[in-house]
Amino acid sequence: MRSQALSTLFTDIGLTLIGLMIFVVFFVLMIFFVFRKSGKGHYEKMAQLPLEENQDPSEQHSSKDSNNSKGTPDE
């Protein structure tokens, strides 16, 4: 029963190949996007986020307040 259902779904070889080609092209483009050199700084910054002290969500992660060394809100 299962083989009969699958054989009726994938009868058009052209559409199957087009779908495969779209997936392969998308996958290759994503690999190039992830491993590009210009993204290294962004990934390093994102890797450090779990290690940072708790901050006010309204603060930007790119700049740290020198007066606020313990991560407590300024009063």
Foldseek 3Di string as FASTA:
>chain_A
DVVVVVCVVPVDVVVVVVVVVVVVVVVVVVVCVVPPPVCPVVVVLVVCVVVDADADVVDDSVDDDPVCPRRDDDD
